[in-house]
Amino acid sequence: MTQTEASVALRPFYFAVHPDRFASHPQIRKQNERSLQIFNGYISDLFPVSNVIQPVKVKFSIADKQANSFREIDLHLVGTDPINIVRKALKSCDLNTRDIEKARSSSSKAAEKRAGAPFTSGFSYDNDLLKSYLRKKGKASALNLAEALTRCRAEASSQAKEAAEFRVSIKEDIDELKSRTGLRDILWEIDWAEKHIRRCLSNMHRFIDQANAETKQVILLALYKNVLRFGRGSFTCCDGSIQLGADNVPEQWEKACSEYQVRKCQIAELKVCVDQLQSTFGGATILTPYYKGLAQTVSQIQSLIIRVWNREALLVRLSQAAAGTTMEVVTSYDELSIGIDGRLLIPCNVDVASLVVFLEENAPKSLQVQREMQKTLEELELEIAKCKSDLGLVKLEWEPALQLEVVLDSVKRLRKANEETKRVVTGLSLLLSQNPTVHSRPDGTVSIPYNWK
């Protein structure tokens, strides 16, 4: 299901919960408006799937014609399957899901065909095929790490050599683009394969070549002595660098470059806003990640400052509760919460009274999470250094989605592995992953499950 198809399928749902239908009931209107913002934000994060998407609950009120009143519905948004989310939304309002079921059936058949799964439509199955599949699965799960690594070691070594040669040519392409534009550095904000990196560089050369003389001057002026990032979305970043969306069209790149000279002036404005918010929040540390959009970040912080200052009676309590914490102002689609690293995530449209209560109840917990995270991180860095030294590893990394405690446990077990495993991993680059299989990645890194046996 594409984003357009999801929007079309959700039209009956949008009609049922739309805030304008409840103009004479302000509380319901406000609730539905807020919930719809969160719902739309979640749907938007599915195309493509965001790496920060989190389960969330939203509440709507809809008209109950039979009872001549209103009925509340609760939606628990979880997972990254848009068909499932759309189906759940429609069913919550007792709306027709026939078209969604057809889409799901078609999607399931296509997936089964690609995967060669033994199941047929309707989840009926052939017993012999199923038993064969389970036997193979049981046999695969019984294989130990050493055996799995032995099978893919030769492939990993070959891919690592090819990747090293390819990186040399990539560096030459990067140096050529730096020489042409005067760029200080070129970075990628997404973990892409080298072929996609080369495509970005080729597209950048083409973008400059096809621009007219005036536009080319604007582009080169924006890039000169700057840092260019390739990621999702085109904008000026909080550190003054410029990001171009790898999946954006040239017109969006051109707009980001033409706006750069104006946008970079907002860096000073951002510093002023951060200082004002920091003073208001009792000296709390305000984080402004370098990779976020500068204009959006300034707007969010200013919005929060205005909301807070309009509640003068709560300023003293707010300052006392927030003192010593670390926080980040996030979008109106996000929830008031504690991040996995202990930072407080504050939506720019947060209710100030609710914020004060939240800070008074959770600020100590936030500080505790930060201390524990720092302690775990220091221990993990030490264990990784020892593991690389003891096992002769070239590199040992982990997926960002994994909790540090889980990674630490996996690294400790790796250090205590049997001699056969230690012998096989020598000279390899390992990645602890959520993927349950052991396999070689395109750059020669071997992915192993974090809960390996």
Protein backbone atom coordinates (compact mmCIF):
# COMPACT_ATOMS: atom_id res chain seq x y z
CA MET A 1 0.00 0.00 0.00
CA THR A 2 1.35 3.40 -1.01
CA GLN A 3 0.82 6.61 0.95
CA THR A 4 -1.72 7.79 -1.64
CA GLU A 5 -3.66 4.52 -1.40
CA ALA A 6 -3.65 4.77 2.38
CA SER A 7 -5.03 8.33 2.23
CA VAL A 8 -7.82 7.27 -0.13
CA ALA A 9 -8.73 4.24 2.01
CA LEU A 10 -8.85 6.42 5.14
CA ARG A 11 -11.31 8.97 3.72
CA PRO A 12 -14.36 7.46 5.49
CA PHE A 13 -12.41 7.44 8.75
CA TYR A 14 -11.30 11.07 8.32
CA PHE A 15 -14.90 12.04 7.64
CA ALA A 16 -16.10 10.30 10.82
CA VAL A 17 -13.54 11.90 13.16
CA HIS A 18 -12.92 15.26 11.48
CA PRO A 19 -12.89 18.09 14.10
CA ASP A 20 -15.10 20.35 11.96
CA ARG A 21 -17.99 17.95 12.52
CA PHE A 22 -17.92 18.81 16.23
CA ALA A 23 -17.88 22.61 16.09
CA SER A 24 -20.62 22.80 18.73
CA HIS A 25 -18.67 20.51 21.09
CA PRO A 26 -15.32 22.25 21.76
CA GLN A 27 -13.86 19.51 23.95
CA ILE A 28 -14.49 16.78 21.39
CA ARG A 29 -13.26 19.04 18.61
CA LYS A 30 -10.00 19.73 20.50
CA GLN A 31 -9.48 16.05 21.35
CA ASN A 32 -10.07 14.86 17.79
CA GLU A 33 -7.86 17.59 16.37
CA ARG A 34 -4.97 16.59 18.62
CA SER A 35 -5.48 12.86 18.00
CA LEU A 36 -5.71 13.39 14.24
CA GLN A 37 -2.37 15.20 14.25
CA ILE A 38 -0.75 12.25 16.01
CA PHE A 39 -2.50 9.75 13.73
CA ASN A 40 -1.42 11.56 10.56
CA GLY A 41 2.13 11.87 11.89
CA TYR A 42 2.26 8.11 12.50
CA ILE A 43 0.90 7.38 9.01
CA SER A 44 3.43 9.78 7.48
CA ASP A 45 6.29 7.97 9.28
CA LEU A 46 5.35 4.74 7.49
CA PHE A 47 6.33 6.13 4.05
CA PRO A 48 9.22 5.40 4.30
CA VAL A 49 9.35 3.74 7.71
CA SER A 50 11.00 6.07 10.21
CA ASN A 51 13.69 4.69 12.51
CA VAL A 52 12.17 6.56 15.45
CA ILE A 53 8.57 5.38 15.07
CA GLN A 54 7.05 4.34 18.38
CA PRO A 55 3.70 2.78 19.41
CA VAL A 56 1.14 5.36 20.49
CA LYS A 57 -2.47 5.43 21.68
CA VAL A 58 -4.96 7.98 20.38
CA LYS A 59 -8.56 8.63 21.36
CA PHE A 60 -11.37 9.91 19.13
CA SER A 61 -15.05 10.63 19.62
CA ILE A 62 -17.50 9.85 16.83
CA ALA A 63 -21.22 10.33 16.39
CA ASP A 64 -23.38 7.40 17.49
CA LYS A 65 -26.56 7.81 15.42
CA GLN A 66 -28.43 4.97 17.10
CA ALA A 67 -27.97 6.39 20.61
CA ASN A 68 -28.14 9.99 19.35
CA SER A 69 -24.93 10.77 21.26
CA PHE A 70 -21.17 10.30 20.95
CA ARG A 71 -18.98 7.23 21.27
CA GLU A 72 -15.31 7.15 22.23
CA ILE A 73 -12.87 4.95 20.33
CA ASP A 74 -9.30 4.08 21.31
CA LEU A 75 -6.73 3.33 18.64
CA HIS A 76 -3.45 1.64 19.56
CA LEU A 77 -1.06 2.43 16.70
CA VAL A 78 1.70 -0.13 16.62
CA GLY A 79 3.79 -1.74 13.90
CA THR A 80 4.80 -0.58 10.43
CA ASP A 81 2.20 -2.33 8.25
CA PRO A 82 0.05 0.45 6.72
CA ILE A 83 -2.67 -2.00 5.67
CA ASN A 84 -3.07 -3.16 9.25
CA ILE A 85 -3.17 0.42 10.58
CA VAL A 86 -5.77 1.51 8.00
CA ARG A 87 -7.88 -1.60 8.63
CA LYS A 88 -7.78 -1.04 12.38
CA ALA A 89 -8.83 2.62 12.00
CA LEU A 90 -11.79 1.74 9.75
CA LYS A 91 -12.99 -1.10 11.99
CA SER A 92 -12.88 1.13 15.06
CA CYS A 93 -15.59 3.26 13.43
CA ASP A 94 -17.52 0.23 12.11
CA LEU A 95 -16.64 1.19 8.54
CA ASN A 96 -16.34 -1.11 5.53
CA THR A 97 -12.94 -2.84 5.25
CA ARG A 98 -13.70 -5.02 2.22
CA ASP A 99 -11.24 -3.19 -0.05
CA ILE A 100 -8.54 -3.36 2.62
CA GLU A 101 -9.00 -7.13 2.99
CA LYS A 102 -8.56 -7.49 -0.79
CA ALA A 103 -5.37 -5.43 -0.62
CA ARG A 104 -4.05 -7.51 2.28
CA SER A 105 -4.86 -10.76 0.47
CA SER A 106 -3.07 -9.54 -2.66
CA SER A 107 -0.08 -8.37 -0.59
CA SER A 108 0.12 -11.68 1.29
CA LYS A 109 0.05 -13.71 -1.92
CA ALA A 110 2.80 -11.60 -3.44
CA ALA A 111 4.94 -11.91 -0.31
CA GLU A 112 4.45 -15.68 -0.18
CA LYS A 113 5.40 -15.99 -3.83
CA ARG A 114 8.61 -13.98 -3.29
CA ALA A 115 9.57 -15.85 -0.15
CA GLY A 116 8.61 -19.29 -1.44
CA ALA A 117 6.59 -19.84 1.72
CA PRO A 118 4.68 -23.13 2.06
CA PHE A 119 1.45 -21.37 3.02
CA THR A 120 -1.39 -20.68 0.62
CA SER A 121 -3.99 -17.92 0.74
CA GLY A 122 -6.30 -17.97 3.74
CA PHE A 123 -3.47 -19.39 5.88
CA SER A 124 -4.33 -22.98 4.93
CA TYR A 125 -1.24 -25.11 4.37
CA ASP A 126 0.14 -28.39 3.18
CA ASN A 127 1.12 -30.53 6.19
CA ASP A 128 4.11 -32.15 4.49
CA LEU A 129 5.50 -28.79 3.38
CA LEU A 130 4.94 -27.32 6.82
CA LYS A 131 6.70 -30.21 8.55
CA SER A 132 9.61 -29.92 6.12
CA TYR A 133 9.83 -26.19 6.78
CA LEU A 134 9.82 -26.69 10.56
CA ARG A 135 12.49 -29.40 10.33
CA LYS A 136 14.75 -27.07 8.33
CA LYS A 137 14.06 -24.24 10.75
CA GLY A 138 14.87 -26.42 13.74
CA LYS A 139 18.08 -27.63 12.10
CA ALA A 140 19.12 -24.05 11.29
CA SER A 141 18.49 -22.85 14.83
CA ALA A 142 20.64 -25.65 16.21
CA LEU A 143 23.72 -24.50 14.29
CA ASN A 144 26.21 -22.71 16.50
CA LEU A 145 27.90 -19.43 15.71
CA ALA A 146 31.20 -21.00 14.70
CA GLU A 147 29.57 -23.20 12.05
CA ALA A 148 27.53 -20.30 10.63
CA LEU A 149 30.59 -18.03 10.51
CA THR A 150 32.68 -20.71 8.83
CA ARG A 151 30.15 -20.90 5.98
CA CYS A 152 30.18 -17.17 5.23
CA ARG A 153 33.79 -16.32 6.15
CA ALA A 154 35.13 -16.69 2.61
CA GLU A 155 32.30 -14.59 1.17
CA ALA A 156 32.83 -11.90 3.83
CA SER A 157 36.57 -11.72 3.09
CA SER A 158 35.90 -11.39 -0.64
CA GLN A 159 33.26 -8.70 -0.13
CA ALA A 160 35.50 -6.81 2.30
CA LYS A 161 38.27 -6.71 -0.31
CA GLU A 162 35.87 -5.52 -3.03
CA ALA A 163 34.40 -2.93 -0.66
CA ALA A 164 37.87 -1.60 0.19
CA GLU A 165 38.67 -1.18 -3.52
CA PHE A 166 35.29 0.44 -4.12
CA ARG A 167 35.83 2.85 -1.21
CA VAL A 168 39.05 4.02 -2.85
CA SER A 169 37.15 4.92 -6.02
CA ILE A 170 34.39 6.55 -3.93
CA LYS A 171 37.02 8.68 -2.21
CA GLU A 172 38.26 9.80 -5.61
CA ASP A 173 34.69 10.80 -6.57
CA ILE A 174 34.30 12.68 -3.27
CA ASP A 175 37.62 14.49 -3.76
CA GLU A 176 36.56 15.46 -7.29
CA LEU A 177 33.28 16.94 -6.03
CA LYS A 178 35.12 18.74 -3.20
CA SER A 179 37.56 20.23 -5.69
CA ARG A 180 34.75 21.37 -7.97
CA THR A 181 32.56 22.96 -5.26
CA GLY A 182 34.96 23.86 -2.45
CA LEU A 183 33.07 21.61 -0.02
CA ARG A 184 34.75 20.94 3.31
CA ASP A 185 33.23 17.48 3.73
CA ILE A 186 30.52 15.14 2.38
CA LEU A 187 28.61 12.89 4.77
CA TRP A 188 25.73 10.40 4.61
CA GLU A 189 23.07 10.41 7.32
CA ILE A 190 21.71 6.99 6.36
CA ASP A 191 23.52 3.65 6.30
CA TRP A 192 23.52 3.08 2.55
CA ALA A 193 25.35 0.68 0.28
CA GLU A 194 28.29 2.16 -1.63
CA LYS A 195 26.40 2.01 -4.95
CA HIS A 196 23.80 4.42 -3.55
CA ILE A 197 26.57 6.71 -2.32
CA ARG A 198 28.09 6.82 -5.80
CA ARG A 199 24.65 7.55 -7.26
CA CYS A 200 24.30 10.56 -4.93
CA LEU A 201 27.65 11.92 -6.09
CA SER A 202 26.75 11.41 -9.76
CA ASN A 203 23.40 13.12 -9.23
CA MET A 204 25.17 16.05 -7.59
CA HIS A 205 27.46 16.53 -10.59
CA ARG A 206 24.45 16.31 -12.92
CA PHE A 207 22.54 18.80 -10.74
CA ILE A 208 25.33 21.37 -11.10
CA ASP A 209 25.86 20.70 -14.83
CA GLN A 210 22.20 21.17 -15.71
CA ALA A 211 21.73 24.41 -13.75
CA ASN A 212 21.82 27.74 -15.58
CA ALA A 213 24.62 30.22 -14.84
CA GLU A 214 22.70 32.14 -12.16
CA THR A 215 21.44 29.01 -10.35
CA LYS A 216 24.89 27.41 -10.54
CA GLN A 217 26.35 30.44 -8.77
CA VAL A 218 23.75 30.10 -6.00
CA ILE A 219 24.51 26.38 -5.61
CA LEU A 220 28.28 26.84 -5.44
CA LEU A 221 27.90 29.71 -2.97
CA ALA A 222 25.82 27.50 -0.67
CA LEU A 223 28.33 24.62 -0.87
CA TYR A 224 31.60 26.58 -0.61
CA LYS A 225 33.50 25.65 2.59
CA ASN A 226 30.37 23.95 3.87
CA VAL A 227 29.47 20.38 4.85
CA LEU A 228 27.10 18.54 2.50
CA ARG A 229 24.91 15.79 3.95
CA PHE A 230 22.79 13.31 2.02
CA GLY A 231 19.76 12.12 3.96
CA ARG A 232 15.98 12.35 4.00
CA GLY A 233 14.72 15.83 3.16
CA SER A 234 16.47 18.94 1.85
CA PHE A 235 17.15 21.78 4.31
CA THR A 236 19.73 23.75 6.27
CA CYS A 237 20.81 21.84 9.39
CA CYS A 238 21.18 23.22 12.92
CA ASP A 239 24.98 23.26 12.62
CA GLY A 240 24.84 25.33 9.42
CA SER A 241 25.54 22.42 7.09
CA ILE A 242 23.23 21.73 4.17
CA GLN A 243 21.35 18.46 3.67
CA LEU A 244 19.99 17.28 0.32
CA GLY A 245 17.39 14.53 0.23
CA ALA A 246 18.71 11.50 -1.63
CA ASP A 247 15.21 10.77 -2.92
CA ASN A 248 14.30 14.41 -3.67
CA VAL A 249 13.97 15.94 -7.14
CA PRO A 250 16.46 18.61 -8.39
CA GLU A 251 13.91 21.38 -7.75
CA GLN A 252 13.96 20.56 -4.03
CA TRP A 253 17.77 20.58 -4.01
CA GLU A 254 17.75 23.93 -5.77
CA LYS A 255 15.29 25.39 -3.26
CA ALA A 256 17.43 24.25 -0.31
CA CYS A 257 20.53 25.85 -1.86
CA SER A 258 18.76 29.11 -2.75
CA GLU A 259 17.37 29.43 0.80
CA TYR A 260 20.69 28.66 2.46
CA GLN A 261 22.04 32.22 2.67
CA VAL A 262 18.88 33.31 4.51
CA ARG A 263 18.54 30.20 6.64
CA LYS A 264 22.09 30.25 7.97
CA CYS A 265 21.34 33.62 9.60
CA GLN A 266 18.95 31.72 11.87
CA ILE A 267 21.89 30.01 13.60
CA ALA A 268 22.33 33.10 15.78
CA GLU A 269 18.58 33.20 16.34
CA LEU A 270 18.66 29.53 17.40
CA LYS A 271 21.35 30.28 19.98
CA VAL A 272 19.26 33.12 21.44
CA CYS A 273 16.17 30.89 21.62
CA VAL A 274 18.12 28.09 23.30
CA ASP A 275 19.52 30.52 25.88
CA GLN A 276 16.02 31.87 26.61
CA LEU A 277 14.56 28.38 27.00
CA GLN A 278 17.49 27.26 29.12
CA SER A 279 17.00 30.21 31.46
CA THR A 280 13.26 29.54 31.68
CA PHE A 281 13.86 25.86 32.47
CA GLY A 282 16.23 26.54 35.37
CA GLY A 283 19.47 25.98 33.46
CA ALA A 284 18.43 22.72 31.83
CA THR A 285 20.57 21.51 28.91
CA ILE A 286 18.69 22.06 25.63
CA LEU A 287 19.77 19.72 22.85
CA THR A 288 19.61 20.79 19.20
CA PRO A 289 20.88 17.81 17.16
CA TYR A 290 23.01 18.97 14.24
CA TYR A 291 21.09 16.85 11.71
CA LYS A 292 17.69 18.46 12.37
CA GLY A 293 16.26 21.22 10.18
CA LEU A 294 17.32 24.67 11.39
CA ALA A 295 14.11 26.51 10.49
CA GLN A 296 11.90 23.83 12.02
CA THR A 297 13.95 23.69 15.22
CA VAL A 298 13.85 27.47 15.69
CA SER A 299 10.09 27.50 15.10
CA GLN A 300 9.50 24.67 17.59
CA ILE A 301 11.57 26.28 20.35
CA GLN A 302 9.95 29.68 19.81
CA SER A 303 6.50 28.09 19.96
CA LEU A 304 7.34 26.38 23.25
CA ILE A 305 8.78 29.59 24.74
CA ILE A 306 5.60 31.53 23.92
CA ARG A 307 3.38 28.82 25.44
CA VAL A 308 5.48 28.71 28.61
CA TRP A 309 5.74 32.47 29.06
CA ASN A 310 1.98 32.81 28.71
CA ARG A 311 1.62 30.75 31.90
CA GLU A 312 3.50 33.09 34.20
CA ALA A 313 2.01 31.55 37.34
CA LEU A 314 3.74 28.23 36.57
CA LEU A 315 7.19 29.57 35.71
CA VAL A 316 8.69 29.09 39.18
CA ARG A 317 7.50 25.48 39.46
CA LEU A 318 8.66 24.81 35.91
CA SER A 319 12.12 26.22 36.55
CA GLN A 320 12.55 24.19 39.74
CA ALA A 321 11.29 20.94 38.20
CA ALA A 322 13.42 21.20 35.04
CA ALA A 323 16.69 22.25 36.69
CA GLY A 324 19.58 19.91 35.90
CA THR A 325 17.73 17.91 33.24
CA THR A 326 18.56 17.41 29.57
CA MET A 327 15.78 17.96 27.06
CA GLU A 328 15.00 18.24 23.39
CA VAL A 329 12.07 20.10 21.84
CA VAL A 330 10.30 17.85 19.33
CA THR A 331 7.40 18.14 16.87
CA SER A 332 3.72 18.38 17.75
CA TYR A 333 3.33 14.77 16.57
CA ASP A 334 5.62 13.45 19.30
CA GLU A 335 4.65 12.57 22.85
CA LEU A 336 5.86 13.99 26.15
CA SER A 337 8.26 11.26 27.26
CA ILE A 338 11.72 10.17 28.41
CA GLY A 339 14.08 9.05 25.63
CA ILE A 340 16.12 5.86 25.87
CA ASP A 341 19.20 7.95 26.74
CA GLY A 342 17.35 9.83 29.49
CA ARG A 343 16.68 13.05 27.61
CA LEU A 344 13.24 14.58 28.09
CA LEU A 345 11.30 14.89 24.82
CA ILE A 346 9.08 17.99 24.95
CA PRO A 347 6.51 18.54 22.15
CA CYS A 348 6.45 22.16 21.00
CA ASN A 349 2.66 22.34 21.55
CA VAL A 350 2.68 20.72 24.99
CA ASP A 351 0.14 21.78 27.62
CA VAL A 352 2.25 23.73 30.13
CA ALA A 353 0.35 22.55 33.22
CA SER A 354 0.80 18.93 32.12
CA LEU A 355 4.48 19.63 31.43
CA VAL A 356 5.03 20.91 34.98
CA VAL A 357 3.42 17.81 36.50
CA PHE A 358 5.40 15.55 34.14
CA LEU A 359 8.70 17.20 35.05
CA GLU A 360 8.02 17.07 38.78
CA GLU A 361 7.25 13.36 38.54
CA ASN A 362 9.87 12.28 35.97
CA ALA A 363 12.89 14.61 36.20
CA PRO A 364 14.62 12.41 38.83
CA LYS A 365 13.95 9.32 36.70
CA SER A 366 15.40 11.09 33.66
CA LEU A 367 18.61 11.88 35.53
CA GLN A 368 18.83 8.29 36.77
CA VAL A 369 18.42 6.91 33.24
CA GLN A 370 21.17 9.25 32.03
CA ARG A 371 23.56 8.08 34.74
CA GLU A 372 22.82 4.42 34.07
CA MET A 373 23.16 4.95 30.32
CA GLN A 374 26.53 6.67 30.73
CA LYS A 375 27.76 3.94 33.06
CA THR A 376 26.61 1.21 30.67
CA LEU A 377 28.16 2.98 27.69
CA GLU A 378 31.53 3.30 29.43
CA GLU A 379 31.45 -0.38 30.39
CA LEU A 380 30.43 -1.33 26.84
CA GLU A 381 33.27 0.66 25.27
CA LEU A 382 35.75 -1.08 27.57
CA GLU A 383 34.31 -4.55 26.81
CA ILE A 384 34.38 -3.90 23.06
CA ALA A 385 38.02 -2.82 23.22
CA LYS A 386 38.90 -6.00 25.14
CA CYS A 387 36.80 -8.17 22.80
CA LYS A 388 38.47 -6.76 19.67
CA SER A 389 41.88 -7.29 21.22
CA ASP A 390 41.21 -10.82 22.56
CA LEU A 391 39.50 -12.12 19.40
CA GLY A 392 41.51 -10.16 16.81
CA LEU A 393 38.42 -8.46 15.34
CA VAL A 394 38.78 -5.68 12.79
CA LYS A 395 35.54 -4.02 13.89
CA LEU A 396 32.68 -4.71 16.31
CA GLU A 397 29.50 -2.63 16.04
CA TRP A 398 25.78 -2.92 16.79
CA GLU A 399 22.51 -1.73 15.35
CA PRO A 400 21.25 1.52 16.97
CA ALA A 401 17.87 -0.10 17.72
CA LEU A 402 19.47 -2.51 20.21
CA GLN A 403 19.50 -1.60 23.89
CA LEU A 404 22.95 -1.09 25.37
CA GLU A 405 22.35 -3.71 28.07
CA VAL A 406 21.57 -6.29 25.39
CA VAL A 407 24.69 -5.35 23.41
CA LEU A 408 26.86 -5.50 26.53
CA ASP A 409 25.60 -8.98 27.38
CA SER A 410 26.25 -10.17 23.82
CA VAL A 411 29.81 -8.76 23.79
CA LYS A 412 30.60 -10.38 27.15
CA ARG A 413 29.39 -13.76 25.89
CA LEU A 414 31.46 -13.30 22.74
CA ARG A 415 34.61 -12.82 24.82
CA LYS A 416 33.83 -16.09 26.64
CA ALA A 417 33.08 -18.03 23.44
CA ASN A 418 34.71 -21.41 22.84
CA GLU A 419 38.06 -21.69 21.08
CA GLU A 420 36.51 -22.74 17.77
CA THR A 421 34.38 -19.58 17.64
CA LYS A 422 37.33 -17.39 18.61
CA ARG A 423 39.41 -18.92 15.84
CA VAL A 424 36.71 -18.36 13.19
CA VAL A 425 35.98 -14.71 14.06
CA THR A 426 39.63 -13.62 13.96
CA GLY A 427 40.13 -10.94 11.31
CA LEU A 428 36.40 -10.34 10.75
CA SER A 429 34.23 -7.25 11.20
CA LEU A 430 31.09 -8.11 13.18
CA LEU A 431 27.72 -6.38 13.50
CA LEU A 432 25.35 -7.37 16.32
CA SER A 433 21.92 -7.31 14.75
CA GLN A 434 18.25 -8.07 15.31
CA ASN A 435 18.36 -10.20 12.16
CA PRO A 436 18.22 -13.86 13.32
CA THR A 437 20.52 -15.10 10.55
CA VAL A 438 24.29 -15.00 10.17
CA HIS A 439 25.18 -13.41 6.84
CA SER A 440 27.78 -11.27 5.10
CA ARG A 441 26.85 -7.68 4.27
CA PRO A 442 27.95 -5.92 1.04
CA ASP A 443 30.88 -4.22 2.83
CA GLY A 444 32.22 -7.53 4.16
CA THR A 445 30.87 -7.06 7.69
CA VAL A 446 29.31 -10.23 9.10
CA SER A 447 25.94 -9.73 10.74
CA ILE A 448 25.26 -12.02 13.71
CA PRO A 449 22.12 -12.08 15.92
CA TYR A 450 22.61 -10.33 19.24
CA ASN A 451 21.21 -13.41 21.03
CA TRP A 452 23.52 -15.84 19.22
CA LYS A 453 24.13 -19.28 20.68
